[in-house]
Amino acid sequence: MNLKSKTMVRLHGDRSSLLNALMRATSRHNRLQSQAAHHSLAKNRDHDLSKARGPKN
């Protein structure tokens, strides 16, 4: 029980750096996902790209 409470205190103290690391990892993951989607679109040029890409701004 003592070990658990120590871990909780450490996590609360480190929350901002953990959050930053999580956001960095998430943004990197999203960038990789969008690159992968772009590559698959480039391969399938014969399909209708207007539907795949969504509405234009």
C-alpha atoms as a PDB file:
ATOM      1  CA  MET A   1       0.000   0.000   0.000  1.00  0.00           C
ATOM      2  CA  ASN A   2       2.837   2.377   0.836  1.00  0.00           C
ATOM      3  CA  LEU A   3       4.513   1.688  -2.496  1.00  0.00           C
ATOM      4  CA  LYS A   4       1.272   2.394  -4.348  1.00  0.00           C
ATOM      5  CA  SER A   5       0.754   5.752  -2.646  1.00  0.00           C
ATOM      6  CA  LYS A   6       4.371   6.725  -3.388  1.00  0.00           C
ATOM      7  CA  THR A   7       3.817   5.861  -7.044  1.00  0.00           C
ATOM      8  CA  MET A   8       0.634   7.939  -7.124  1.00  0.00           C
ATOM      9  CA  VAL A   9       2.437  10.942  -5.641  1.00  0.00           C
ATOM     10  CA  ARG A  10       5.213  10.591  -8.190  1.00  0.00           C
ATOM     11  CA  LEU A  11       2.693  10.374 -11.032  1.00  0.00           C
ATOM     12  CA  HIS A  12       0.841  13.453  -9.826  1.00  0.00           C
ATOM     13  CA  GLY A  13       4.089  15.369  -9.554  1.00  0.00           C
ATOM     14  CA  ASP A  14       5.061  14.278 -13.055  1.00  0.00           C
ATOM     15  CA  ARG A  15       1.688  14.802 -14.660  1.00  0.00           C
ATOM     16  CA  SER A  16       2.698  17.649 -16.982  1.00  0.00           C
ATOM     17  CA  SER A  17       5.728  15.848 -18.386  1.00  0.00           C
ATOM     18  CA  LEU A  18       3.704  12.651 -18.804  1.00  0.00           C
ATOM     19  CA  LEU A  19       0.997  14.615 -20.598  1.00  0.00           C
ATOM     20  CA  ASN A  20       3.567  16.253 -22.855  1.00  0.00           C
ATOM     21  CA  ALA A  21       5.111  12.891 -23.707  1.00  0.00           C
ATOM     22  CA  LEU A  22       1.674  11.439 -24.438  1.00  0.00           C
ATOM     23  CA  MET A  23       0.745  14.357 -26.686  1.00  0.00           C
ATOM     24  CA  ARG A  24       4.060  14.101 -28.522  1.00  0.00           C
ATOM     25  CA  ALA A  25       3.541  10.383 -29.088  1.00  0.00           C
ATOM     26  CA  THR A  26      -0.053  10.970 -30.218  1.00  0.00           C
ATOM     27  CA  SER A  27       0.864  13.691 -32.694  1.00  0.00           C
ATOM     28  CA  ARG A  28       3.663  11.532 -34.090  1.00  0.00           C
ATOM     29  CA  HIS A  29       1.254   8.611 -34.419  1.00  0.00           C
ATOM     30  CA  ASN A  30      -1.319  10.784 -36.194  1.00  0.00           C
ATOM     31  CA  ARG A  31       1.337  12.050 -38.587  1.00  0.00           C
ATOM     32  CA  LEU A  32       2.379   8.473 -39.390  1.00  0.00           C
ATOM     33  CA  GLN A  33      -1.260   7.482 -39.896  1.00  0.00           C
ATOM     34  CA  SER A  34      -1.909  10.362 -42.299  1.00  0.00           C
ATOM     35  CA  GLN A  35       1.263   9.527 -44.235  1.00  0.00           C
ATOM     36  CA  ALA A  36       0.142   5.903 -44.521  1.00  0.00           C
ATOM     37  CA  ALA A  37      -3.296   7.015 -45.736  1.00  0.00           C
ATOM     38  CA  HIS A  38      -1.673   9.323 -48.274  1.00  0.00           C
ATOM     39  CA  HIS A  39       0.515   6.506 -49.583  1.00  0.00           C
ATOM     40  CA  SER A  40      -2.461   4.174 -49.989  1.00  0.00           C
ATOM     41  CA  LEU A  41      -4.355   6.925 -51.843  1.00  0.00           C
ATOM     42  CA  ALA A  42      -1.384   7.455 -54.139  1.00  0.00           C
ATOM     43  CA  LYS A  43      -1.373   3.741 -54.949  1.00  0.00           C
ATOM     44  CA  ASN A  44      -5.085   3.692 -55.748  1.00  0.00           C
ATOM     45  CA  ARG A  45      -5.196   6.624 -58.162  1.00  0.00           C
ATOM     46  CA  ASP A  46      -7.796   4.907 -60.344  1.00  0.00           C
ATOM     47  CA  HIS A  47     -10.367   5.106 -57.518  1.00  0.00           C
ATOM     48  CA  ASP A  48     -12.544   8.168 -56.983  1.00  0.00           C
ATOM     49  CA  LEU A  49     -10.313  10.454 -54.916  1.00  0.00           C
ATOM     50  CA  SER A  50     -12.953  13.135 -54.383  1.00  0.00           C
ATOM     51  CA  LYS A  51     -14.903  10.791 -52.108  1.00  0.00           C
ATOM     52  CA  ALA A  52     -11.802   9.454 -50.361  1.00  0.00           C
ATOM     53  CA  ARG A  53     -10.388  12.873 -49.530  1.00  0.00           C
ATOM     54  CA  GLY A  54     -13.629  14.381 -48.288  1.00  0.00           C
ATOM     55  CA  PRO A  55     -14.973  17.904 -48.952  1.00  0.00           C
ATOM     56  CA  LYS A  56     -12.516  20.549 -50.075  1.00  0.00           C
ATOM     57  CA  ASN A  57     -12.175  23.763 -48.084  1.00  0.00           C
END
